[in-house]
Amino acid sequence: MLPTGKFTSPANLLDGPTVDVSTRTATINWGDRAEPVDSSVEYGLSSGNYFSTEAANTNQDISHSVELNNLSAGTTYYFRSQ
């Protein structure tokens, strides 16, 4: 059976997420599934209302790290990882 590229259940987080923040960047790290997948993060200025672009890492892995760049200092951002 070949994979369809679609998951039918949410990821099982093994650790995280953790967020490392500096002045204009944030790095979001988490571990999930026992099978390697790519990762992406949607983010925005309010929960459930995300920007039209997302940050992604196309490496197939079980340990994920996605960096958000050019953030505004002193601003609260909301995110969800996929």
N, C-alpha and C. Protein backbone atom coordinates (compact mmCIF):
# COMPACT_ATOMS: atom_id res chain seq x y z
N MET A 1 0.85 -1.18 0.00
CA MET A 1 0.00 0.00 0.00
C MET A 1 0.89 1.24 0.00
N LEU A 2 0.64 2.16 -0.89
CA LEU A 2 1.40 3.40 -0.97
C LEU A 2 0.77 4.47 -0.09
N PRO A 3 1.58 5.34 0.51
CA PRO A 3 1.02 6.41 1.33
C PRO A 3 0.25 7.41 0.47
N THR A 4 -0.79 7.99 1.06
CA THR A 4 -1.63 8.95 0.35
C THR A 4 -1.18 10.38 0.56
N GLY A 5 -0.30 10.60 1.55
CA GLY A 5 0.14 11.97 1.86
C GLY A 5 -0.81 12.68 2.80
N LYS A 6 -1.88 11.99 3.24
CA LYS A 6 -2.85 12.60 4.16
C LYS A 6 -2.87 11.81 5.45
N PHE A 7 -2.87 12.54 6.56
CA PHE A 7 -2.97 11.90 7.86
C PHE A 7 -4.42 11.89 8.29
N THR A 8 -4.85 10.81 8.88
CA THR A 8 -6.25 10.70 9.30
C THR A 8 -6.41 10.92 10.79
N SER A 9 -5.30 11.10 11.51
CA SER A 9 -5.37 11.37 12.94
C SER A 9 -4.32 12.42 13.29
N PRO A 10 -4.55 13.17 14.38
CA PRO A 10 -3.57 14.19 14.77
C PRO A 10 -2.24 13.57 15.19
N ALA A 11 -1.21 14.36 15.09
CA ALA A 11 0.12 13.90 15.50
C ALA A 11 0.15 13.62 16.98
N ASN A 12 0.91 12.62 17.37
CA ASN A 12 1.14 12.33 18.78
C ASN A 12 2.44 13.02 19.17
N LEU A 13 2.34 14.10 19.95
CA LEU A 13 3.54 14.83 20.35
C LEU A 13 4.35 13.99 21.31
N LEU A 14 5.62 13.85 21.00
CA LEU A 14 6.53 13.15 21.89
C LEU A 14 7.22 14.12 22.82
N ASP A 15 7.43 15.35 22.36
CA ASP A 15 7.97 16.41 23.21
C ASP A 15 7.66 17.76 22.59
N GLY A 16 7.60 18.77 23.45
CA GLY A 16 7.35 20.13 23.00
C GLY A 16 5.88 20.44 22.84
N PRO A 17 5.58 21.53 22.22
CA PRO A 17 6.54 22.41 21.55
C PRO A 17 7.28 23.31 22.54
N THR A 18 8.47 23.68 22.14
CA THR A 18 9.23 24.70 22.84
C THR A 18 9.49 25.83 21.86
N VAL A 19 9.63 27.04 22.37
CA VAL A 19 9.87 28.20 21.52
C VAL A 19 11.07 28.96 22.05
N ASP A 20 12.07 29.14 21.19
CA ASP A 20 13.24 29.96 21.51
C ASP A 20 13.05 31.30 20.81
N VAL A 21 13.08 32.37 21.60
CA VAL A 21 12.77 33.70 21.07
C VAL A 21 13.98 34.62 21.17
N SER A 22 14.22 35.38 20.10
CA SER A 22 15.19 36.46 20.14
C SER A 22 14.47 37.72 19.67
N THR A 23 15.19 38.78 19.39
CA THR A 23 14.56 40.06 19.09
C THR A 23 13.58 40.00 17.92
N ARG A 24 13.97 39.38 16.80
CA ARG A 24 13.11 39.38 15.62
C ARG A 24 12.84 37.99 15.04
N THR A 25 13.23 36.95 15.81
CA THR A 25 12.99 35.58 15.34
C THR A 25 12.45 34.71 16.47
N ALA A 26 11.79 33.64 16.10
CA ALA A 26 11.35 32.61 17.04
C ALA A 26 11.57 31.27 16.36
N THR A 27 12.11 30.32 17.09
CA THR A 27 12.30 28.98 16.58
C THR A 27 11.41 28.04 17.38
N ILE A 28 10.53 27.34 16.67
CA ILE A 28 9.58 26.43 17.30
C ILE A 28 10.07 25.00 17.07
N ASN A 29 10.19 24.25 18.15
CA ASN A 29 10.73 22.88 18.10
C ASN A 29 9.71 21.92 18.70
N TRP A 30 9.54 20.76 18.09
CA TRP A 30 8.69 19.72 18.65
C TRP A 30 9.04 18.38 18.04
N GLY A 31 8.63 17.33 18.70
CA GLY A 31 8.82 15.98 18.19
C GLY A 31 7.46 15.30 18.14
N ASP A 32 7.23 14.52 17.11
CA ASP A 32 5.95 13.81 16.99
C ASP A 32 6.13 12.46 16.33
N ARG A 33 5.14 11.91 15.84
CA ARG A 33 5.04 10.62 15.15
C ARG A 33 6.33 9.80 15.11
N ALA A 34 6.17 8.54 15.00
CA ALA A 34 7.31 7.64 14.85
C ALA A 34 7.76 7.55 13.40
N GLU A 35 7.02 8.17 12.50
CA GLU A 35 7.38 8.14 11.09
C GLU A 35 7.80 9.54 10.63
N PRO A 36 8.82 9.66 9.83
CA PRO A 36 9.30 10.97 9.38
C PRO A 36 8.28 11.70 8.50
N VAL A 37 8.09 12.98 8.79
CA VAL A 37 7.20 13.84 8.00
C VAL A 37 7.83 15.23 7.90
N ASP A 38 7.36 16.05 6.96
CA ASP A 38 7.81 17.43 6.92
C ASP A 38 7.02 18.23 7.95
N SER A 39 7.35 19.50 8.12
CA SER A 39 6.70 20.29 9.16
C SER A 39 6.42 21.70 8.68
N SER A 40 5.36 22.28 9.22
CA SER A 40 5.04 23.67 8.90
C SER A 40 4.37 24.32 10.11
N VAL A 41 4.46 25.64 10.15
CA VAL A 41 3.88 26.41 11.24
C VAL A 41 3.08 27.56 10.63
N GLU A 42 1.83 27.65 11.02
CA GLU A 42 1.02 28.83 10.69
C GLU A 42 1.13 29.77 11.88
N TYR A 43 1.20 31.08 11.62
CA TYR A 43 1.29 32.02 12.73
C TYR A 43 0.60 33.32 12.36
N GLY A 44 0.19 34.06 13.38
CA GLY A 44 -0.51 35.32 13.17
C GLY A 44 -0.63 36.10 14.46
N LEU A 45 -1.42 37.16 14.42
CA LEU A 45 -1.54 38.07 15.56
C LEU A 45 -2.68 37.73 16.50
N SER A 46 -3.52 36.76 16.14
CA SER A 46 -4.58 36.30 17.03
C SER A 46 -4.83 34.82 16.79
N SER A 47 -5.30 34.15 17.81
CA SER A 47 -5.53 32.71 17.74
C SER A 47 -6.58 32.38 16.68
N GLY A 48 -6.24 31.48 15.77
CA GLY A 48 -7.17 31.08 14.72
C GLY A 48 -7.20 32.00 13.52
N ASN A 49 -6.48 33.11 13.57
CA ASN A 49 -6.42 34.06 12.47
C ASN A 49 -4.95 34.20 12.04
N TYR A 50 -4.52 33.33 11.13
CA TYR A 50 -3.12 33.24 10.78
C TYR A 50 -2.82 33.93 9.46
N PHE A 51 -1.56 34.33 9.30
CA PHE A 51 -1.13 34.95 8.04
C PHE A 51 -1.31 33.95 6.89
N SER A 52 -1.38 34.47 5.67
CA SER A 52 -1.59 33.60 4.51
C SER A 52 -0.36 32.78 4.16
N THR A 53 0.82 33.18 4.63
CA THR A 53 2.03 32.39 4.39
C THR A 53 2.36 31.62 5.65
N GLU A 54 3.03 30.51 5.49
CA GLU A 54 3.45 29.73 6.65
C GLU A 54 4.93 29.41 6.53
N ALA A 55 5.55 29.17 7.66
CA ALA A 55 6.96 28.77 7.69
C ALA A 55 7.01 27.26 7.63
N ALA A 56 7.96 26.71 6.87
CA ALA A 56 8.01 25.26 6.71
C ALA A 56 9.44 24.75 6.66
N ASN A 57 9.55 23.48 6.94
CA ASN A 57 10.80 22.74 6.81
C ASN A 57 10.43 21.44 6.10
N THR A 58 10.97 21.23 4.92
CA THR A 58 10.57 20.08 4.11
C THR A 58 11.39 18.82 4.39
N ASN A 59 12.31 18.90 5.35
CA ASN A 59 13.06 17.70 5.73
C ASN A 59 12.11 16.68 6.35
N GLN A 60 12.20 15.45 5.92
CA GLN A 60 11.38 14.38 6.47
C GLN A 60 12.02 13.89 7.77
N ASP A 61 11.41 14.21 8.91
CA ASP A 61 12.03 13.91 10.20
C ASP A 61 10.96 13.71 11.25
N ILE A 62 11.34 13.18 12.43
CA ILE A 62 10.41 13.08 13.55
C ILE A 62 10.68 14.18 14.58
N SER A 63 11.79 14.87 14.44
CA SER A 63 12.14 16.01 15.28
C SER A 63 12.04 17.25 14.41
N HIS A 64 11.23 18.21 14.81
CA HIS A 64 10.93 19.35 13.94
C HIS A 64 11.43 20.66 14.53
N SER A 65 11.88 21.54 13.63
CA SER A 65 12.33 22.87 14.01
C SER A 65 12.00 23.81 12.86
N VAL A 66 11.21 24.84 13.16
CA VAL A 66 10.82 25.82 12.15
C VAL A 66 11.12 27.20 12.70
N GLU A 67 11.79 28.02 11.89
CA GLU A 67 12.16 29.37 12.32
C GLU A 67 11.24 30.41 11.69
N LEU A 68 10.73 31.32 12.54
CA LEU A 68 9.94 32.46 12.07
C LEU A 68 10.85 33.68 12.10
N ASN A 69 10.94 34.39 10.99
CA ASN A 69 11.84 35.53 10.86
C ASN A 69 11.08 36.84 10.68
N ASN A 70 11.80 37.94 10.87
CA ASN A 70 11.27 39.29 10.66
C ASN A 70 10.04 39.58 11.51
N LEU A 71 10.04 39.11 12.75
CA LEU A 71 8.95 39.39 13.68
C LEU A 71 9.14 40.78 14.28
N SER A 72 8.06 41.36 14.73
CA SER A 72 8.11 42.68 15.37
C SER A 72 8.33 42.51 16.87
N ALA A 73 9.34 43.18 17.40
CA ALA A 73 9.65 43.10 18.83
C ALA A 73 8.45 43.59 19.64
N GLY A 74 8.20 42.94 20.77
CA GLY A 74 7.12 43.36 21.66
C GLY A 74 5.73 42.96 21.20
N THR A 75 5.63 42.14 20.15
CA THR A 75 4.33 41.72 19.62
C THR A 75 4.08 40.27 20.00
N THR A 76 2.83 39.97 20.40
CA THR A 76 2.45 38.59 20.70
C THR A 76 2.01 37.90 19.42
N TYR A 77 2.59 36.73 19.16
CA TYR A 77 2.22 35.92 18.00
C TYR A 77 1.62 34.60 18.46
N TYR A 78 0.69 34.10 17.71
CA TYR A 78 0.05 32.81 17.97
C TYR A 78 0.46 31.87 16.84
N PHE A 79 0.62 30.58 17.17
CA PHE A 79 1.03 29.64 16.13
C PHE A 79 0.36 28.29 16.34
N ARG A 80 0.36 27.53 15.27
CA ARG A 80 0.00 26.11 15.35
C ARG A 80 0.90 25.36 14.40
N SER A 81 1.39 24.24 14.88
CA SER A 81 2.29 23.43 14.06
C SER A 81 1.51 22.32 13.38
N GLN A 82 2.02 21.93 12.22
CA GLN A 82 1.36 20.87 11.45
C GLN A 82 2.36 19.83 11.03
